[in-house]
Amino acid sequence: MGLSVGSGRRARCDAVSGADCAARYLHLGGAVAGYTTQLTGIVRNSSSGTTLFPNGITVNSVIPTYSCIAGDYRKGIAPIAQVSAEITITMPFSGFFAVAGYTLNDVTTTVTDQSRIFGS
């Protein structure tokens, strides 16, 4: 089974749903690793191409995966696209706290979303 890349869905993306939009960007299953660059762009940028995140937020990596979940479905399996984005947040005003002798460490977390893949 091949991989079909979406187009119109891109316009609905925003900072909150970047991983979700990237997951929905993949319409049909197959090898998804080749689409890491496009998916990273979806997570990082708005549909107009401007950066979604302020300077203190960095997208470290975007990892797409594809799986088939067996169940009581019409075709017996449900193809699922998953996109995980690891981000690092540099605390605002950390420089001011450093002057007072306090250290605010960066926070690194992973945002993950899944979407069922529809189509033939």
Protein backbone atom coordinates (compact mmCIF):
# COMPACT_ATOMS: atom_id res chain seq x y z
CA MET A 1 0.00 0.00 0.00
CA GLY A 2 1.37 3.42 -0.94
CA LEU A 3 1.33 6.72 0.89
CA SER A 4 -0.77 9.65 -0.21
CA VAL A 5 0.11 13.08 1.12
CA GLY A 6 -2.68 15.55 1.93
CA SER A 7 -3.02 19.10 0.75
CA GLY A 8 -6.23 20.88 1.74
CA ARG A 9 -6.11 19.83 5.38
CA ARG A 10 -3.04 22.01 5.96
CA ALA A 11 -5.08 25.24 6.22
CA ARG A 12 -6.77 24.17 9.47
CA CYS A 13 -3.52 23.79 11.44
CA ASP A 14 -2.58 25.97 14.40
CA ALA A 15 -0.09 25.74 17.24
CA VAL A 16 -2.36 23.66 19.46
CA SER A 17 -3.12 21.05 16.83
CA GLY A 18 0.20 20.80 14.97
CA ALA A 19 0.76 17.13 15.81
CA ASP A 20 -2.86 16.32 14.97
CA CYS A 21 -2.62 18.07 11.60
CA ALA A 22 0.60 16.25 10.85
CA ALA A 23 -1.06 12.92 11.67
CA ARG A 24 -4.02 13.73 9.41
CA TYR A 25 -1.60 14.79 6.64
CA LEU A 26 -0.94 11.11 5.94
CA HIS A 27 -3.96 9.66 4.11
CA LEU A 28 -2.86 6.10 3.33
CA GLY A 29 -0.50 3.79 5.13
CA GLY A 30 2.94 2.69 4.16
CA ALA A 31 6.42 3.90 4.92
CA VAL A 32 5.99 7.23 6.71
CA ALA A 33 9.62 7.98 7.59
CA GLY A 34 10.16 9.68 4.22
CA TYR A 35 7.66 12.37 5.19
CA THR A 36 9.44 13.54 8.33
CA THR A 37 10.54 16.82 6.71
CA GLN A 38 7.02 17.75 5.58
CA LEU A 39 5.53 16.76 8.94
CA THR A 40 8.13 18.79 10.82
CA GLY A 41 7.10 21.81 8.75
CA ILE A 42 3.45 21.24 9.66
CA VAL A 43 4.27 21.10 13.37
CA ARG A 44 6.57 24.16 13.26
CA ASN A 45 4.77 26.50 10.87
CA SER A 46 1.31 27.88 10.13
CA SER A 47 -0.37 27.22 6.80
CA SER A 48 0.98 30.56 5.55
CA GLY A 49 4.54 29.48 6.43
CA THR A 50 5.08 31.70 9.46
CA THR A 51 6.57 30.19 12.61
CA LEU A 52 3.93 29.16 15.15
CA PHE A 53 6.11 29.16 18.23
CA PRO A 54 7.95 32.02 19.92
CA ASN A 55 11.75 31.97 20.21
CA GLY A 56 11.62 30.14 23.54
CA ILE A 57 10.04 27.00 22.06
CA THR A 58 12.09 24.64 19.92
CA VAL A 59 10.82 21.62 18.00
CA ASN A 60 13.61 19.08 18.55
CA SER A 61 12.24 16.18 16.51
CA VAL A 62 9.13 14.90 14.77
CA ILE A 63 8.60 11.14 14.50
CA PRO A 64 5.82 9.72 12.31
CA THR A 65 4.65 6.13 12.74
CA TYR A 66 2.02 4.00 11.09
CA SER A 67 0.20 1.00 12.49
CA CYS A 68 -2.83 -1.18 11.82
CA ILE A 69 -5.14 -1.89 14.73
CA ALA A 70 -7.15 -5.10 14.49
CA GLY A 71 -10.76 -4.93 15.55
CA ASP A 72 -14.37 -5.35 14.59
CA TYR A 73 -14.18 -2.93 11.68
CA ARG A 74 -15.67 -3.19 8.22
CA LYS A 75 -12.30 -4.19 6.73
CA GLY A 76 -11.02 -5.90 9.88
CA ILE A 77 -8.24 -3.40 10.61
CA ALA A 78 -7.98 0.34 11.15
CA PRO A 79 -4.86 2.09 9.84
CA ILE A 80 -3.57 4.72 12.29
CA ALA A 81 -1.04 7.51 11.66
CA GLN A 82 0.75 8.86 14.72
CA VAL A 83 2.99 11.90 14.92
CA SER A 84 5.09 12.64 18.01
CA ALA A 85 6.86 15.99 18.36
CA GLU A 86 9.49 16.55 21.03
CA ILE A 87 9.66 20.20 22.07
CA THR A 88 11.84 22.16 24.47
CA ILE A 89 10.51 25.23 26.26
CA THR A 90 12.98 27.78 27.56
CA MET A 91 11.40 29.53 30.51
CA PRO A 92 10.58 33.17 29.88
CA PHE A 93 12.47 35.65 32.03
CA SER A 94 14.98 32.97 33.09
CA GLY A 95 17.72 35.60 32.70
CA PHE A 96 16.08 37.80 35.30
CA PHE A 97 15.85 34.90 37.74
CA ALA A 98 19.52 34.05 37.11
CA VAL A 99 20.50 37.56 38.28
CA ALA A 100 18.76 36.80 41.58
CA GLY A 101 20.58 33.46 41.87
CA TYR A 102 17.73 31.19 40.76
CA THR A 103 17.92 28.72 37.91
CA LEU A 104 14.93 27.92 35.73
CA ASN A 105 15.64 24.78 33.74
CA ASP A 106 14.30 24.19 30.26
CA VAL A 107 11.35 21.82 29.98
CA THR A 108 11.38 19.10 27.32
CA THR A 109 8.18 17.22 26.56
CA THR A 110 6.59 15.16 23.81
CA VAL A 111 3.27 15.97 22.16
CA THR A 112 1.64 13.02 20.38
CA ASP A 113 -1.52 12.68 18.35
CA GLN A 114 -3.08 9.95 16.27
CA SER A 115 -5.52 9.98 13.42
CA ARG A 116 -7.33 7.18 11.66
CA ILE A 117 -6.39 6.97 8.01
CA PHE A 118 -9.37 6.87 5.67
CA GLY A 119 -9.25 6.08 1.97
CA SER A 120 -8.46 3.21 -0.30
